[in-house]
Structures are given as structure tokens and as C-alpha cells.
Amino acid sequence: MYELVQNLSGHSRAVCAVAVFADGKRVVSGSYDRDVKIWDAETGAKLCTIDTWHISYVSAVAVFVDGKRVVSGSYDHTLKIWDAESGTELHTLSGHRHSVLSISVSADGKKVVSGSSDSTVKIWDAESGAELHTLSGHSGWVRAVAVSADGKKVVSGGNDETVKIWDAESGAELHTLSGHYGWVFSVAMSADGRRVVSGSGDETVRIWDAESGTELHTLSGHRVTVVAVSAD
């Protein structure tokens, strides 16, 4: 049985995105109220409210591994990188033509990856805010992105029912993983970079070999909106 530990109240509209800092001590949330909030995971106290100046909903958030920065994405087509202690804006990343739906940060903190309803994935330099690559190939909204632990590969999934694996250095498409018969809502990659996991509205989770693009397992049972992979 699960026990409710903390109830974090403070947003004035629906909460669309959450992420946990690597040390497990803080939580970040993004909302339709256009704010990003950082919370103490032990006490439930609100540590920081970032008035993002996004002109539309905050649809995605992610945390840098060092815990010093967070990034938000919005229906206003932009991403913003923030200082996690002060709430100061460090960069605005502009280039998507439509809503930002998903964000991931590389383990070394050097790259931010975003997926958008403009059907593209973009890779950004986290230090300068410069756009490094635009990955085009999806024929529908990109609802989910993930980065391998070594930062060398990017995975994306979306409304075109496919999962794609990309080379993060060159922007080249490595594999298109076909098999889902519904929108792909979420993707994840194992820590060793050997497996990709995807969840879809077709009520399956699929596990793929990241090197060959081969489907290894189909896990059936419920409509899937979120997937994650354990550290081991």
C-alpha cells in the first residue's frame, strides 16, 4: 500500500509537468498558470516560484543533473533555462514553430533536447542557448524525447506512431522503430543505452534494441501515457 507523503499545493491551474532533482530532495513542477515551482521533497515547502514570463502554458520541465538549473517548455514555442536557486532566467531557446511538448537534458548538462507539435526535435547547447540541430522526420507531433546517458543518442516518439533514434552529434536519423498502432506518448532509454522503451495509446509498452532497432518485447495491458526505466 502506498502512503501520501506530501501534498504540494500552490499552483492555481492544472499541473502539466513534474521532475525530480537527482538527489531526490527537490521537485519541480510546471503548470497552466505559467509558473514553475520548486519544492522541498521532505517538508513539502515551496522553495521558489519562477514567474516564467512564458506567454502560454508550461507544458514540460526538466532538471539538470547538477541540480543548479531547470528548464521549462511552453505552448508559446520557447524553452527557458533557469537558475534553480534564484529563479533567474539564464537563456530563452527560440526556434520551434509550435508548442514545446517534451524536454530532456543530457547527463553531462551540455545539451537540452526538445520535442514539439511542429513535428521536429531540436538539440540545444545548454551553456550558450544556441540551437545545434533540428531533427526532422516525424510526420506528427513529437510528444516525447529522451537522451542516452552518454549524450550520444536521442530518442523521440509522437503522433505518427513511430519511435526514432538519432545521433546527437550529427543529427542523423539512425533508426525508425515501427510497431505501435497509436500515438507514442512517452519514451525512455536504459542507463547503458542498449534498450529503448516506448508507451503508446495502443495499450502497449514496447522494448527495443537501440543498436539494431529490433523490437524485443511487447508488454500489453493498459493505455500507456508514461514510461520509465529503472537504473539497473
Protein backbone atom coordinates (compact mmCIF):
# COMPACT_ATOMS: atom_id res chain seq x y z
CA MET A 1 0.00 0.00 0.00
CA TYR A 2 1.25 3.49 -0.87
CA GLU A 3 1.11 6.37 1.57
CA LEU A 4 0.71 10.03 0.65
CA VAL A 5 3.84 11.75 1.98
CA GLN A 6 3.35 15.34 0.82
CA ASN A 7 0.64 17.32 -0.91
CA LEU A 8 2.24 20.24 -2.75
CA SER A 9 -0.35 22.98 -3.17
CA GLY A 10 0.23 26.37 -4.73
CA HIS A 11 -0.46 26.29 -8.46
CA SER A 12 -3.68 28.00 -9.49
CA ARG A 13 -4.32 25.81 -12.54
CA ALA A 14 -3.62 22.27 -13.77
CA VAL A 15 -0.10 20.88 -13.26
CA CYS A 16 1.19 19.61 -16.61
CA ALA A 17 4.74 18.52 -15.84
CA VAL A 18 6.92 17.42 -12.92
CA ALA A 19 10.52 16.31 -12.47
CA VAL A 20 12.65 15.26 -9.50
CA PHE A 21 16.16 16.54 -8.81
CA ALA A 22 18.89 13.89 -8.92
CA ASP A 23 19.45 14.00 -5.16
CA GLY A 24 15.75 13.40 -4.52
CA LYS A 25 15.49 16.42 -2.23
CA ARG A 26 13.57 18.76 -4.53
CA VAL A 27 10.72 18.57 -7.02
CA VAL A 28 9.97 20.98 -9.86
CA SER A 29 6.53 21.48 -11.41
CA GLY A 30 5.10 23.38 -14.35
CA SER A 31 1.50 24.47 -14.76
CA TYR A 32 -1.17 26.01 -16.92
CA ASP A 33 -0.80 29.01 -14.60
CA ARG A 34 2.51 29.64 -16.47
CA ASP A 35 4.60 29.31 -13.29
CA VAL A 36 7.38 26.88 -12.45
CA LYS A 37 7.65 25.96 -8.77
CA ILE A 38 10.43 24.22 -6.88
CA TRP A 39 9.51 22.28 -3.73
CA ASP A 40 11.31 20.67 -0.80
CA ALA A 41 10.52 16.95 -1.20
CA GLU A 42 10.99 16.27 2.52
CA THR A 43 8.84 19.02 4.01
CA GLY A 44 6.61 19.96 1.09
CA ALA A 45 7.66 23.60 1.46
CA LYS A 46 7.68 25.80 -1.64
CA LEU A 47 11.28 26.92 -2.17
CA CYS A 48 10.91 29.05 -5.27
CA THR A 49 8.22 30.29 -7.63
CA ILE A 50 9.52 31.22 -11.06
CA ASP A 51 7.28 33.67 -12.87
CA THR A 52 8.41 32.35 -16.22
CA TRP A 53 7.15 35.12 -18.48
CA HIS A 54 6.05 32.35 -20.80
CA ILE A 55 3.02 33.78 -22.58
CA SER A 56 1.24 30.41 -22.52
CA TYR A 57 1.04 27.17 -20.55
CA VAL A 58 4.17 25.49 -19.18
CA SER A 59 3.92 22.07 -20.82
CA ALA A 60 7.25 20.44 -19.89
CA VAL A 61 10.02 20.71 -17.29
CA ALA A 62 13.36 19.01 -16.77
CA VAL A 63 16.22 19.24 -14.28
CA PHE A 64 19.97 19.37 -14.86
CA VAL A 65 21.84 16.59 -13.05
CA ASP A 66 23.94 19.06 -11.07
CA GLY A 67 20.74 20.47 -9.59
CA LYS A 68 21.73 24.04 -10.41
CA ARG A 69 19.40 24.62 -13.35
CA VAL A 70 15.91 23.72 -14.53
CA VAL A 71 14.39 24.12 -17.98
CA SER A 72 10.79 24.74 -18.95
CA GLY A 73 8.95 24.44 -22.24
CA SER A 74 5.74 26.17 -23.22
CA TYR A 75 2.92 26.38 -25.70
CA ASP A 76 4.48 29.76 -26.58
CA HIS A 77 7.03 27.79 -28.70
CA THR A 78 10.01 28.53 -26.40
CA LEU A 79 12.15 26.87 -23.76
CA LYS A 80 13.72 28.73 -20.88
CA ILE A 81 16.66 27.75 -18.67
CA TRP A 82 16.56 28.98 -15.07
CA ASP A 83 18.88 29.15 -12.10
CA ALA A 84 17.29 26.70 -9.65
CA GLU A 85 18.29 28.68 -6.56
CA SER A 86 17.40 32.24 -7.53
CA GLY A 87 14.86 31.65 -10.30
CA THR A 88 16.88 33.91 -12.61
CA GLU A 89 16.39 33.33 -16.33
CA LEU A 90 19.64 32.23 -17.97
CA HIS A 91 18.54 31.59 -21.56
CA THR A 92 15.49 31.65 -23.79
CA LEU A 93 15.68 29.00 -26.53
CA SER A 94 13.65 30.06 -29.55
CA GLY A 95 13.22 28.21 -32.82
CA HIS A 96 10.22 25.90 -32.63
CA ARG A 97 7.25 26.97 -34.72
CA HIS A 98 4.66 25.42 -32.39
CA SER A 99 4.22 24.21 -28.81
CA VAL A 100 7.06 22.54 -26.92
CA LEU A 101 5.66 19.24 -25.64
CA SER A 102 8.67 17.46 -24.15
CA ILE A 103 12.16 18.16 -22.82
CA SER A 104 15.17 16.10 -21.82
CA VAL A 105 18.64 17.12 -20.56
CA SER A 106 21.84 15.17 -21.18
CA ALA A 107 23.59 13.72 -18.13
CA ASP A 108 26.62 15.97 -18.63
CA GLY A 109 24.37 19.04 -18.68
CA LYS A 110 25.68 20.20 -22.04
CA LYS A 111 22.61 19.55 -24.19
CA VAL A 112 18.89 20.18 -23.96
CA VAL A 113 16.56 18.27 -26.28
CA SER A 114 13.01 19.33 -27.08
CA GLY A 115 10.09 17.84 -28.98
CA SER A 116 7.33 19.96 -30.48
CA SER A 117 3.98 19.93 -32.23
CA ASP A 118 5.87 21.35 -35.22
CA SER A 119 6.99 17.70 -35.81
CA THR A 120 10.65 18.41 -35.04
CA VAL A 121 13.18 17.59 -32.36
CA LYS A 122 15.76 20.24 -31.53
CA ILE A 123 19.08 19.89 -29.76
CA TRP A 124 20.39 22.97 -27.95
CA ASP A 125 23.67 23.98 -26.35
CA ALA A 126 22.78 24.42 -22.69
CA GLU A 127 25.62 26.82 -21.96
CA SER A 128 25.05 29.30 -24.78
CA GLY A 129 21.41 28.62 -25.67
CA ALA A 130 22.40 28.07 -29.31
CA GLU A 131 20.44 25.65 -31.48
CA LEU A 132 22.75 22.81 -32.56
CA HIS A 133 20.46 20.60 -34.67
CA THR A 134 16.90 20.36 -35.91
CA LEU A 135 15.90 16.71 -36.35
CA SER A 136 13.20 16.36 -38.98
CA GLY A 137 11.50 13.11 -39.89
CA HIS A 138 8.38 12.73 -37.77
CA SER A 139 5.12 13.36 -39.60
CA GLY A 140 3.18 14.39 -36.50
CA TRP A 141 3.57 15.98 -33.08
CA VAL A 142 6.66 14.89 -31.14
CA ARG A 143 5.25 14.10 -27.71
CA ALA A 144 8.30 12.54 -26.03
CA VAL A 145 12.09 12.82 -26.09
CA ALA A 146 14.94 11.23 -24.15
CA VAL A 147 18.73 11.39 -24.22
CA SER A 148 21.11 8.50 -23.62
CA ALA A 149 23.30 8.69 -20.52
CA ASP A 150 26.41 9.33 -22.62
CA GLY A 151 24.64 12.08 -24.58
CA LYS A 152 25.33 10.42 -27.92
CA LYS A 153 21.79 9.38 -28.84
CA VAL A 154 18.37 10.98 -28.76
CA VAL A 155 15.07 9.09 -28.82
CA SER A 156 11.75 10.61 -29.85
CA GLY A 157 8.17 9.46 -30.26
CA GLY A 158 4.92 11.00 -31.34
CA ASN A 159 1.63 11.10 -33.16
CA ASP A 160 2.97 9.34 -36.25
CA GLU A 161 3.09 6.11 -34.17
CA THR A 162 6.86 5.77 -34.55
CA VAL A 163 9.91 5.97 -32.31
CA LYS A 164 13.09 7.39 -33.81
CA ILE A 165 16.68 7.11 -32.65
CA TRP A 166 19.06 9.90 -33.67
CA ASP A 167 22.77 10.58 -33.49
CA ALA A 168 23.03 13.56 -31.14
CA GLU A 169 26.35 14.73 -32.56
CA SER A 170 25.48 14.78 -36.25
CA GLY A 171 21.68 14.93 -36.12
CA ALA A 172 21.45 11.88 -38.38
CA GLU A 173 18.49 9.52 -38.05
CA LEU A 174 19.75 6.07 -37.04
CA HIS A 175 16.54 4.03 -36.77
CA THR A 176 12.79 4.34 -37.13
CA LEU A 177 11.05 1.89 -34.80
CA SER A 178 7.64 0.92 -36.16
CA GLY A 179 5.11 -1.31 -34.46
CA HIS A 180 2.83 0.88 -32.40
CA TYR A 181 -0.72 1.45 -33.65
CA GLY A 182 -1.41 4.56 -31.64
CA TRP A 183 0.26 7.79 -30.61
CA VAL A 184 3.55 7.33 -28.75
CA PHE A 185 3.17 9.35 -25.55
CA SER A 186 6.47 8.54 -23.84
CA VAL A 187 9.95 7.18 -24.42
CA ALA A 188 12.89 6.26 -22.19
CA MET A 189 16.34 4.76 -22.60
CA SER A 190 18.17 2.37 -20.29
CA ALA A 191 21.24 3.68 -18.47
CA ASP A 192 23.57 1.56 -20.61
CA GLY A 193 21.99 2.88 -23.81
CA ARG A 194 21.13 -0.60 -25.09
CA ARG A 195 17.35 -0.50 -24.70
CA VAL A 196 14.63 1.94 -25.68
CA VAL A 197 11.18 1.76 -24.06
CA SER A 198 8.08 3.36 -25.54
CA GLY A 199 4.49 3.71 -24.33
CA SER A 200 1.51 4.22 -26.61
CA GLY A 201 -2.21 4.78 -26.80
CA ASP A 202 -2.41 1.33 -28.42
CA GLU A 203 -2.27 -0.03 -24.84
CA THR A 204 1.25 -1.43 -25.15
CA VAL A 205 4.74 -0.80 -23.87
CA ARG A 206 7.44 -1.87 -26.30
CA ILE A 207 11.09 -2.60 -25.57
CA TRP A 208 13.55 -2.17 -28.42
CA ASP A 209 17.20 -2.92 -29.08
CA ALA A 210 18.78 0.52 -29.53
CA GLU A 211 21.60 -0.72 -31.75
CA SER A 212 19.61 -2.72 -34.29
CA GLY A 213 16.15 -1.16 -33.89
CA THR A 214 14.67 -4.62 -33.32
CA GLU A 215 11.57 -4.97 -31.15
CA LEU A 216 12.39 -7.27 -28.23
CA HIS A 217 9.15 -7.33 -26.21
CA THR A 218 5.59 -6.06 -26.30
CA LEU A 219 4.01 -5.52 -22.87
CA SER A 220 0.22 -5.37 -23.13
CA GLY A 221 -2.37 -4.45 -20.58
CA HIS A 222 -3.30 -0.79 -20.38
CA ARG A 223 -3.30 2.54 -22.21
CA VAL A 224 0.14 3.98 -21.57
CA THR A 225 0.97 7.66 -21.13
CA VAL A 226 4.23 7.47 -19.17
CA VAL A 227 7.17 5.04 -19.09
CA ALA A 228 10.46 4.96 -17.14
CA VAL A 229 13.38 2.58 -16.81
CA SER A 230 14.96 1.51 -13.52
CA ALA A 231 18.61 2.44 -13.01
CA ASP A 232 19.76 -1.16 -13.25
